[in-house]
N, C-alpha and C. Protein backbone atom coordinates (compact mmCIF):
# COMPACT_ATOMS: atom_id res chain seq x y z
N MET A 1 -8.61 -11.47 -5.00
CA MET A 1 -9.05 -12.69 -5.48
C MET A 1 -10.18 -13.42 -4.09
N PHE A 2 -10.12 -12.46 -3.12
CA PHE A 2 -11.18 -12.77 -2.11
C PHE A 2 -12.30 -12.21 -2.17
N GLU A 3 -12.51 -11.45 -3.44
CA GLU A 3 -13.71 -10.67 -3.44
C GLU A 3 -14.04 -11.19 -4.90
N SER A 4 -13.39 -12.40 -5.52
CA SER A 4 -13.46 -12.90 -7.03
C SER A 4 -13.32 -11.88 -7.91
N LYS A 5 -12.41 -10.88 -7.59
CA LYS A 5 -11.79 -10.05 -8.62
C LYS A 5 -10.73 -10.90 -9.22
N LYS A 6 -10.44 -10.36 -10.59
CA LYS A 6 -8.99 -10.76 -11.23
C LYS A 6 -7.65 -9.97 -10.68
N VAL A 7 -6.79 -10.58 -10.33
CA VAL A 7 -5.59 -9.95 -9.99
C VAL A 7 -4.28 -10.73 -10.32
N THR A 8 -3.30 -9.70 -10.78
CA THR A 8 -2.20 -9.89 -10.96
C THR A 8 -1.12 -8.88 -10.30
N TRP A 9 0.33 -9.38 -9.73
CA TRP A 9 1.30 -8.82 -9.47
C TRP A 9 2.74 -9.19 -10.16
N PHE A 10 3.37 -8.16 -10.17
CA PHE A 10 4.54 -8.08 -10.92
C PHE A 10 5.89 -7.38 -10.37
N PRO A 11 6.58 -8.22 -9.51
CA PRO A 11 7.77 -7.62 -8.37
C PRO A 11 8.92 -7.62 -9.23
N SER A 12 9.49 -6.60 -8.91
CA SER A 12 10.90 -6.21 -9.08
C SER A 12 11.84 -5.99 -7.72
N TYR A 13 12.21 -6.90 -7.59
CA TYR A 13 13.26 -6.70 -6.37
C TYR A 13 14.59 -7.16 -6.14
N GLY A 14 15.39 -6.45 -7.15
CA GLY A 14 16.64 -7.23 -7.33
C GLY A 14 17.55 -6.42 -5.87
N ALA A 15 18.54 -5.87 -6.30
CA ALA A 15 19.76 -5.36 -5.24
C ALA A 15 19.01 -4.43 -4.33
N GLU A 16 18.07 -3.70 -5.41
CA GLU A 16 17.33 -2.43 -4.67
C GLU A 16 16.49 -2.86 -3.21
N MET A 17 16.39 -4.28 -3.01
CA MET A 17 15.51 -4.63 -1.94
C MET A 17 16.15 -3.95 -0.53
N ARG A 18 17.12 -4.05 -0.75
CA ARG A 18 17.92 -3.63 0.62
C ARG A 18 18.12 -2.14 0.75
N GLY A 19 16.90 -1.45 0.69
CA GLY A 19 17.01 -0.06 0.86
C GLY A 19 16.71 1.10 -0.18
N GLY A 20 16.31 0.45 -1.34
CA GLY A 20 16.32 1.14 -2.53
C GLY A 20 15.01 1.55 -2.76
N THR A 21 14.49 1.44 -4.51
CA THR A 21 13.84 1.26 -4.93
C THR A 21 12.85 0.26 -5.30
N ALA A 22 12.60 -0.69 -4.72
CA ALA A 22 12.41 -2.00 -4.93
C ALA A 22 10.85 -1.76 -5.39
N ASN A 23 9.99 -2.61 -6.23
CA ASN A 23 8.54 -1.84 -6.65
C ASN A 23 7.81 -3.48 -7.11
N CYS A 24 6.70 -3.24 -6.92
CA CYS A 24 5.95 -4.08 -7.30
C CYS A 24 4.49 -3.44 -8.00
N THR A 25 4.39 -3.93 -8.95
CA THR A 25 3.22 -3.86 -9.90
C THR A 25 1.65 -4.62 -9.49
N VAL A 26 0.70 -3.96 -9.11
CA VAL A 26 -0.66 -4.82 -8.92
C VAL A 26 -1.63 -4.58 -9.72
N ILE A 27 -2.25 -5.43 -9.96
CA ILE A 27 -3.53 -4.84 -10.75
C ILE A 27 -4.61 -5.68 -10.27
N ILE A 28 -5.63 -5.00 -9.94
CA ILE A 28 -7.00 -5.43 -9.37
C ILE A 28 -8.08 -4.93 -10.43
N SER A 29 -8.69 -5.97 -10.84
CA SER A 29 -9.67 -5.86 -12.18
C SER A 29 -11.17 -6.45 -11.89
N ASN A 30 -12.16 -5.97 -12.43
CA ASN A 30 -13.63 -6.78 -12.42
C ASN A 30 -13.29 -7.83 -13.68
N THR A 31 -12.26 -7.59 -14.76
CA THR A 31 -12.16 -8.05 -16.03
C THR A 31 -11.14 -8.84 -15.98
N MET A 32 -10.93 -9.52 -17.07
CA MET A 32 -9.74 -10.32 -17.03
C MET A 32 -8.60 -9.26 -17.65
N ILE A 33 -7.36 -9.51 -16.82
CA ILE A 33 -6.33 -8.41 -17.22
C ILE A 33 -5.33 -9.04 -18.37
N GLY A 34 -4.87 -8.18 -19.17
CA GLY A 34 -4.03 -8.60 -20.31
C GLY A 34 -2.88 -8.71 -20.07
N SER A 35 -2.18 -7.91 -19.21
CA SER A 35 -1.01 -7.73 -19.07
C SER A 35 -0.58 -7.52 -18.05
N PRO A 36 0.63 -7.79 -17.05
CA PRO A 36 0.73 -7.35 -15.86
C PRO A 36 1.78 -6.22 -15.80
N VAL A 37 1.93 -5.75 -16.92
CA VAL A 37 2.99 -4.65 -17.15
C VAL A 37 1.98 -3.02 -16.79
N VAL A 38 2.05 -2.28 -16.15
CA VAL A 38 1.70 -1.16 -16.55
C VAL A 38 2.60 0.06 -16.43
N PHE A 39 2.34 1.10 -17.29
CA PHE A 39 3.58 2.29 -17.50
C PHE A 39 2.81 3.37 -16.96
N THR A 40 1.80 3.64 -16.49
CA THR A 40 1.02 4.61 -16.18
C THR A 40 -0.07 4.26 -15.08
N PRO A 41 0.69 3.94 -13.93
CA PRO A 41 -0.39 3.87 -12.86
C PRO A 41 -1.44 4.74 -12.45
N ASP A 42 -2.75 4.39 -12.02
CA ASP A 42 -3.48 4.80 -11.37
C ASP A 42 -3.31 5.23 -9.93
N ILE A 43 -2.66 4.83 -9.37
CA ILE A 43 -2.26 4.63 -7.66
C ILE A 43 -0.81 4.45 -7.37
N LEU A 44 0.00 5.19 -6.90
CA LEU A 44 1.43 4.93 -6.65
C LEU A 44 1.34 4.83 -5.18
N VAL A 45 1.68 3.88 -4.38
CA VAL A 45 2.35 3.95 -3.14
C VAL A 45 3.94 4.21 -2.73
N VAL A 46 4.17 5.00 -2.22
CA VAL A 46 5.60 5.01 -2.11
C VAL A 46 6.03 5.17 -0.78
N MET A 47 7.32 4.37 -0.21
CA MET A 47 7.58 4.35 1.26
C MET A 47 8.83 5.13 1.71
N ASN A 48 9.61 5.54 0.30
CA ASN A 48 10.89 6.42 0.97
C ASN A 48 10.83 7.40 -0.15
N MET A 49 11.76 8.33 -0.06
CA MET A 49 12.05 9.42 -1.09
C MET A 49 12.69 8.87 -2.25
N ALA A 50 13.58 7.87 -2.24
CA ALA A 50 14.20 7.38 -3.53
C ALA A 50 13.06 6.62 -4.39
N SER A 51 11.88 6.27 -4.08
CA SER A 51 11.07 5.64 -4.60
C SER A 51 10.02 6.70 -5.08
N LEU A 52 9.66 7.69 -4.23
CA LEU A 52 8.98 9.04 -5.01
C LEU A 52 9.79 9.78 -5.92
N ASP A 53 10.96 9.92 -5.99
CA ASP A 53 11.94 10.45 -6.84
C ASP A 53 11.56 9.36 -8.31
N LYS A 54 11.71 8.08 -8.23
CA LYS A 54 12.09 7.35 -9.40
C LYS A 54 10.56 7.20 -10.00
N PHE A 55 9.62 6.94 -9.06
CA PHE A 55 8.14 6.33 -9.82
C PHE A 55 7.38 7.65 -10.10
N GLN A 56 7.36 8.75 -9.15
CA GLN A 56 6.20 9.71 -9.34
C GLN A 56 5.93 9.82 -10.71
N PRO A 57 7.07 10.23 -11.45
CA PRO A 57 6.90 10.62 -13.06
C PRO A 57 5.95 9.76 -13.99
N GLN A 58 5.72 8.18 -13.42
CA GLN A 58 5.02 7.47 -14.04
C GLN A 58 3.73 7.58 -13.71
N LEU A 59 3.23 7.90 -12.63
CA LEU A 59 1.98 7.95 -12.44
C LEU A 59 1.11 8.94 -13.36
N ARG A 60 -0.20 8.66 -13.60
CA ARG A 60 -1.05 9.35 -14.64
C ARG A 60 -1.39 10.72 -14.03
N ASN A 61 -1.81 11.42 -14.87
CA ASN A 61 -2.51 12.54 -14.58
C ASN A 61 -3.61 12.50 -13.65
N LYS A 62 -3.63 13.15 -12.54
CA LYS A 62 -4.86 13.24 -11.43
C LYS A 62 -4.97 11.61 -10.72
N GLY A 63 -3.36 11.08 -10.96
CA GLY A 63 -3.66 9.91 -10.27
C GLY A 63 -3.33 10.03 -8.64
N LEU A 64 -3.58 8.99 -7.84
CA LEU A 64 -3.56 9.09 -6.42
C LEU A 64 -2.17 8.53 -6.09
N LEU A 65 -1.64 9.35 -5.20
CA LEU A 65 -0.29 9.28 -4.61
C LEU A 65 -0.47 9.31 -3.49
N PHE A 66 0.08 7.92 -2.73
CA PHE A 66 -0.14 7.77 -1.11
C PHE A 66 1.39 7.77 -0.80
N TYR A 67 2.09 8.34 -0.03
CA TYR A 67 3.34 8.09 0.66
C TYR A 67 3.65 8.45 2.10
N ASP A 68 4.57 7.76 2.59
CA ASP A 68 4.97 7.61 4.07
C ASP A 68 5.41 9.06 4.38
N SER A 69 4.65 10.07 5.01
CA SER A 69 4.87 10.80 5.65
C SER A 69 5.72 10.95 6.74
N SER A 70 5.84 9.94 7.30
CA SER A 70 7.10 9.78 8.64
C SER A 70 8.45 9.71 7.91
N LEU A 71 8.48 9.35 6.50
CA LEU A 71 9.86 9.20 6.13
C LEU A 71 10.23 10.16 5.10
N ILE A 72 9.26 10.80 4.37
CA ILE A 72 9.35 11.58 3.40
C ILE A 72 8.75 12.87 4.09
N ARG A 73 9.60 13.65 4.45
CA ARG A 73 9.27 14.66 5.22
C ARG A 73 8.89 16.36 4.32
N LYS A 74 9.78 16.37 3.39
CA LYS A 74 9.61 17.45 2.20
C LYS A 74 9.55 17.16 0.83
N PRO A 75 8.39 16.53 0.44
CA PRO A 75 8.41 15.90 -1.05
C PRO A 75 8.24 17.01 -1.93
N VAL A 76 8.70 16.56 -3.31
CA VAL A 76 8.02 17.50 -4.13
C VAL A 76 7.16 16.72 -4.99
N LEU A 77 5.85 17.30 -4.73
CA LEU A 77 5.04 16.54 -5.79
C LEU A 77 4.40 17.33 -6.88
N ARG A 78 4.07 16.45 -7.71
CA ARG A 78 3.50 17.14 -8.81
C ARG A 78 2.20 17.82 -8.75
N LYS A 79 1.81 19.04 -9.47
CA LYS A 79 0.46 19.36 -9.35
C LYS A 79 -0.56 18.84 -9.90
N ASP A 80 -0.43 18.01 -10.54
CA ASP A 80 -1.23 17.29 -11.27
C ASP A 80 -2.07 15.68 -10.65
N VAL A 81 -1.37 15.55 -9.64
CA VAL A 81 -1.63 14.55 -8.84
C VAL A 81 -2.46 14.85 -7.59
N ARG A 82 -3.12 13.57 -6.84
CA ARG A 82 -4.14 13.98 -5.65
C ARG A 82 -2.92 13.19 -4.53
N ALA A 83 -2.29 13.98 -3.88
CA ALA A 83 -1.54 13.33 -2.78
C ALA A 83 -2.28 13.13 -1.49
N VAL A 84 -1.89 11.88 -0.96
CA VAL A 84 -2.46 11.40 0.38
C VAL A 84 -1.11 10.79 1.36
N PRO A 85 -0.81 12.08 2.21
CA PRO A 85 0.31 11.72 3.02
C PRO A 85 -0.33 11.03 4.33
N VAL A 86 0.67 9.68 4.57
CA VAL A 86 0.25 8.80 5.75
C VAL A 86 1.15 8.56 6.46
N PRO A 87 1.27 9.07 7.60
CA PRO A 87 2.65 8.66 8.60
C PRO A 87 2.46 7.10 9.17
N ALA A 88 2.69 6.43 7.74
CA ALA A 88 2.80 4.87 7.92
C ALA A 88 3.53 4.08 9.26
N THR A 89 4.72 4.72 8.94
CA THR A 89 5.92 4.32 9.89
C THR A 89 5.61 4.60 11.28
N GLU A 90 5.37 5.86 11.44
CA GLU A 90 4.93 6.14 12.86
C GLU A 90 3.59 5.49 13.46
N ILE A 91 2.57 5.38 12.73
CA ILE A 91 1.49 4.72 13.01
C ILE A 91 1.83 3.36 13.37
N ALA A 92 2.82 2.64 12.39
CA ALA A 92 3.01 1.33 12.83
C ALA A 92 4.01 0.89 13.92
N GLY A 93 4.85 2.26 14.28
CA GLY A 93 5.61 2.22 15.54
C GLY A 93 4.98 2.25 16.96
N SER A 94 4.18 3.13 16.71
CA SER A 94 2.75 3.49 18.06
C SER A 94 2.42 2.26 18.16
N ALA A 95 2.13 1.13 17.36
CA ALA A 95 1.33 -0.14 17.72
C ALA A 95 2.47 -1.11 17.71
N GLY A 96 3.71 -0.65 17.86
CA GLY A 96 4.97 -1.99 18.37
C GLY A 96 5.52 -2.37 17.30
N ASN A 97 5.02 -2.15 16.15
CA ASN A 97 5.66 -3.20 14.65
C ASN A 97 5.83 -1.92 13.77
N THR A 98 7.15 -1.57 13.49
CA THR A 98 7.60 -0.90 12.35
C THR A 98 7.45 -1.63 11.26
N LYS A 99 7.36 -2.55 11.22
CA LYS A 99 7.48 -3.58 10.00
C LYS A 99 6.17 -3.48 9.75
N GLY A 100 5.16 -3.36 10.23
CA GLY A 100 3.86 -3.23 9.63
C GLY A 100 3.45 -1.86 8.66
N ALA A 101 4.44 -1.14 8.50
CA ALA A 101 4.23 0.16 7.70
C ALA A 101 3.26 -0.02 6.63
N ASN A 102 3.68 -0.98 5.92
CA ASN A 102 3.12 -1.36 4.25
C ASN A 102 1.66 -1.63 4.77
N MET A 103 1.33 -2.30 5.62
CA MET A 103 -0.04 -2.82 5.84
C MET A 103 -0.85 -1.73 6.40
N VAL A 104 -0.11 -0.48 7.28
CA VAL A 104 -0.82 0.64 7.41
C VAL A 104 -1.25 1.18 6.10
N MET A 105 -0.29 1.39 5.52
CA MET A 105 -0.57 1.96 3.99
C MET A 105 -1.34 1.18 3.10
N LEU A 106 -1.65 -0.16 3.35
CA LEU A 106 -2.61 -0.54 2.47
C LEU A 106 -3.90 -0.34 3.27
N GLY A 107 -3.84 -0.35 4.49
CA GLY A 107 -5.22 0.17 4.99
C GLY A 107 -5.54 1.54 4.83
N ALA A 108 -4.80 2.77 4.73
CA ALA A 108 -4.99 3.55 4.12
C ALA A 108 -5.81 3.78 2.78
N LEU A 109 -5.00 2.81 1.70
CA LEU A 109 -5.44 2.73 0.55
C LEU A 109 -7.05 2.43 0.46
N ILE A 110 -7.08 1.38 1.24
CA ILE A 110 -8.55 0.84 1.07
C ILE A 110 -9.62 1.69 1.53
N ALA A 111 -9.22 2.52 2.80
CA ALA A 111 -10.13 3.56 3.38
C ALA A 111 -10.54 4.77 2.05
N LYS A 112 -9.36 4.90 1.35
CA LYS A 112 -9.55 6.14 0.38
C LYS A 112 -10.25 5.86 -0.73
N THR A 113 -9.46 4.60 -1.29
CA THR A 113 -10.12 4.26 -2.50
C THR A 113 -11.69 3.19 -2.78
N ALA A 114 -11.93 2.63 -1.39
CA ALA A 114 -12.77 1.35 -1.68
C ALA A 114 -12.54 0.60 -2.49
N LEU A 115 -11.46 0.39 -3.07
CA LEU A 115 -11.04 -0.41 -3.89
C LEU A 115 -11.13 -1.92 -3.58
N LEU A 116 -11.27 -2.39 -2.13
CA LEU A 116 -11.84 -3.76 -1.57
C LEU A 116 -12.62 -3.19 -0.40
N LYS A 117 -13.56 -4.44 0.05
CA LYS A 117 -14.33 -4.17 0.98
C LYS A 117 -13.43 -4.40 2.34
N LYS A 118 -13.92 -3.37 3.25
CA LYS A 118 -13.36 -3.15 4.54
C LYS A 118 -13.41 -4.66 5.39
N SER A 119 -14.48 -5.29 5.01
CA SER A 119 -15.17 -6.23 5.69
C SER A 119 -14.14 -7.79 4.91
N SER A 120 -13.72 -7.58 3.93
CA SER A 120 -12.74 -8.74 3.54
C SER A 120 -11.32 -8.92 4.25
N ILE A 121 -11.05 -7.59 5.15
CA ILE A 121 -9.95 -7.96 5.84
C ILE A 121 -10.05 -8.96 6.65
N ALA A 122 -11.05 -9.22 7.76
CA ALA A 122 -11.11 -10.32 8.35
C ALA A 122 -11.15 -11.62 7.59
N GLY A 123 -11.28 -11.94 6.51
CA GLY A 123 -11.55 -12.86 5.81
C GLY A 123 -10.17 -13.17 4.98
N VAL A 124 -9.38 -12.30 4.76
CA VAL A 124 -7.97 -12.50 4.13
C VAL A 124 -7.45 -12.79 5.18
N PHE A 125 -7.38 -12.56 6.56
CA PHE A 125 -6.29 -12.55 7.59
C PHE A 125 -6.96 -13.86 8.36
N GLY A 126 -8.16 -14.73 8.03
CA GLY A 126 -8.86 -15.42 8.78
C GLY A 126 -8.27 -16.16 9.83
N ASP A 127 -7.91 -17.73 9.46
CA ASP A 127 -7.48 -18.50 10.71
C ASP A 127 -6.09 -19.37 10.19
N PRO A 128 -4.91 -18.49 10.10
CA PRO A 128 -3.86 -19.01 9.73
C PRO A 128 -3.62 -20.23 10.54
N ALA A 129 -2.54 -21.06 10.28
CA ALA A 129 -2.24 -22.41 11.04
C ALA A 129 -1.07 -21.87 11.55
N GLY A 130 -0.84 -22.45 13.13
CA GLY A 130 0.39 -22.13 13.85
C GLY A 130 0.13 -20.86 14.69
N THR A 131 1.06 -21.09 15.84
CA THR A 131 0.81 -19.52 16.43
C THR A 131 1.64 -18.25 15.91
N ILE A 132 2.84 -18.73 15.27
CA ILE A 132 3.46 -17.54 14.70
C ILE A 132 2.41 -16.92 13.50
N GLY A 133 1.82 -17.84 12.60
CA GLY A 133 0.84 -17.29 11.57
C GLY A 133 -0.25 -16.62 12.21
N LYS A 134 -0.62 -17.36 13.27
CA LYS A 134 -2.04 -16.29 14.10
C LYS A 134 -1.43 -14.92 14.58
N THR A 135 -0.41 -14.98 14.99
CA THR A 135 0.37 -13.74 15.54
C THR A 135 1.03 -12.69 14.38
N VAL A 136 1.31 -13.07 13.26
CA VAL A 136 1.47 -12.08 12.23
C VAL A 136 0.38 -11.58 11.60
N SER A 137 -0.49 -12.76 11.49
CA SER A 137 -1.99 -12.24 10.91
C SER A 137 -2.67 -11.21 11.72
N LYS A 138 -2.93 -11.23 13.00
CA LYS A 138 -3.81 -10.13 14.02
C LYS A 138 -2.63 -8.87 13.58
N LEU A 139 -1.26 -9.20 13.79
CA LEU A 139 -0.24 -7.58 13.50
C LEU A 139 -0.72 -6.95 12.18
N ASN A 140 -0.79 -7.90 11.29
CA ASN A 140 -0.78 -7.50 9.98
C ASN A 140 -2.54 -6.62 9.90
N ALA A 141 -3.69 -7.51 10.22
CA ALA A 141 -4.93 -7.05 10.44
C ALA A 141 -5.09 -5.98 11.09
N ASP A 142 -4.49 -5.75 12.04
CA ASP A 142 -4.27 -4.53 13.24
C ASP A 142 -3.99 -3.47 12.39
N ALA A 143 -2.66 -3.43 11.85
CA ALA A 143 -1.89 -2.49 11.10
C ALA A 143 -3.02 -1.70 9.91
N ILE A 144 -3.49 -2.76 9.36
CA ILE A 144 -4.54 -2.14 8.40
C ILE A 144 -5.67 -1.40 8.73
N ARG A 145 -6.13 -1.93 9.87
CA ARG A 145 -7.30 -1.33 10.76
C ARG A 145 -6.59 0.03 10.73
N GLU A 146 -5.56 0.24 11.38
CA GLU A 146 -5.01 1.14 11.90
C GLU A 146 -4.93 2.26 10.62
N GLY A 147 -4.40 1.99 9.44
CA GLY A 147 -4.65 2.69 8.42
C GLY A 147 -5.87 3.27 8.11
N MET A 148 -6.71 2.63 8.08
CA MET A 148 -8.21 2.79 7.83
C MET A 148 -8.66 4.04 8.61
N ARG A 149 -8.41 3.64 9.87
CA ARG A 149 -8.55 4.80 10.95
C ARG A 149 -8.35 6.12 10.85
N TYR A 150 -6.95 5.88 10.28
CA TYR A 150 -6.29 7.28 10.02
C TYR A 150 -6.73 8.20 8.70
N ILE A 151 -7.01 7.60 7.88
CA ILE A 151 -7.88 7.89 6.85
C ILE A 151 -9.09 8.60 7.15
N GLU A 152 -9.98 7.49 7.47
CA GLU A 152 -11.31 8.06 8.17
C GLU A 152 -11.37 9.16 9.05
N THR A 153 -10.51 9.23 10.13
CA THR A 153 -10.51 10.39 11.18
C THR A 153 -9.56 11.48 10.56
N THR A 154 -9.03 11.49 9.32
CA THR A 154 -8.10 12.91 9.09
C THR A 154 -8.83 13.52 7.86
């Protein structure tokens, strides 16, 4: 939305949120979005093995698969997808914030796909209110930059 794109998201977080296969569909488009439901995504981001097993079959042929290679050590990957291993949890841990692994992965996705402009990161995490907001925003922006750096240097 920051870049005037159309955006929708459709979370599915039931009991799975506590370590299973919670998921969220995100659509970013230059044109109007007809439905938040996607049956065969172009891009899949998975953070654990259970999610890889469950959602990889839905990824379209020649789709882009980002996975956390810190946690998914020996993945069985489809031959018809383009896999992008990112040690997101390891990178986030090195920066002192393992909770930022998802932001590291977002940075990797931005760097690999150019889906969003790198310059938008500063604007999105601009000037939040309060000390806690500023701290979290800085941690998130730093984690995204680390994910971008990983893709750009590997």
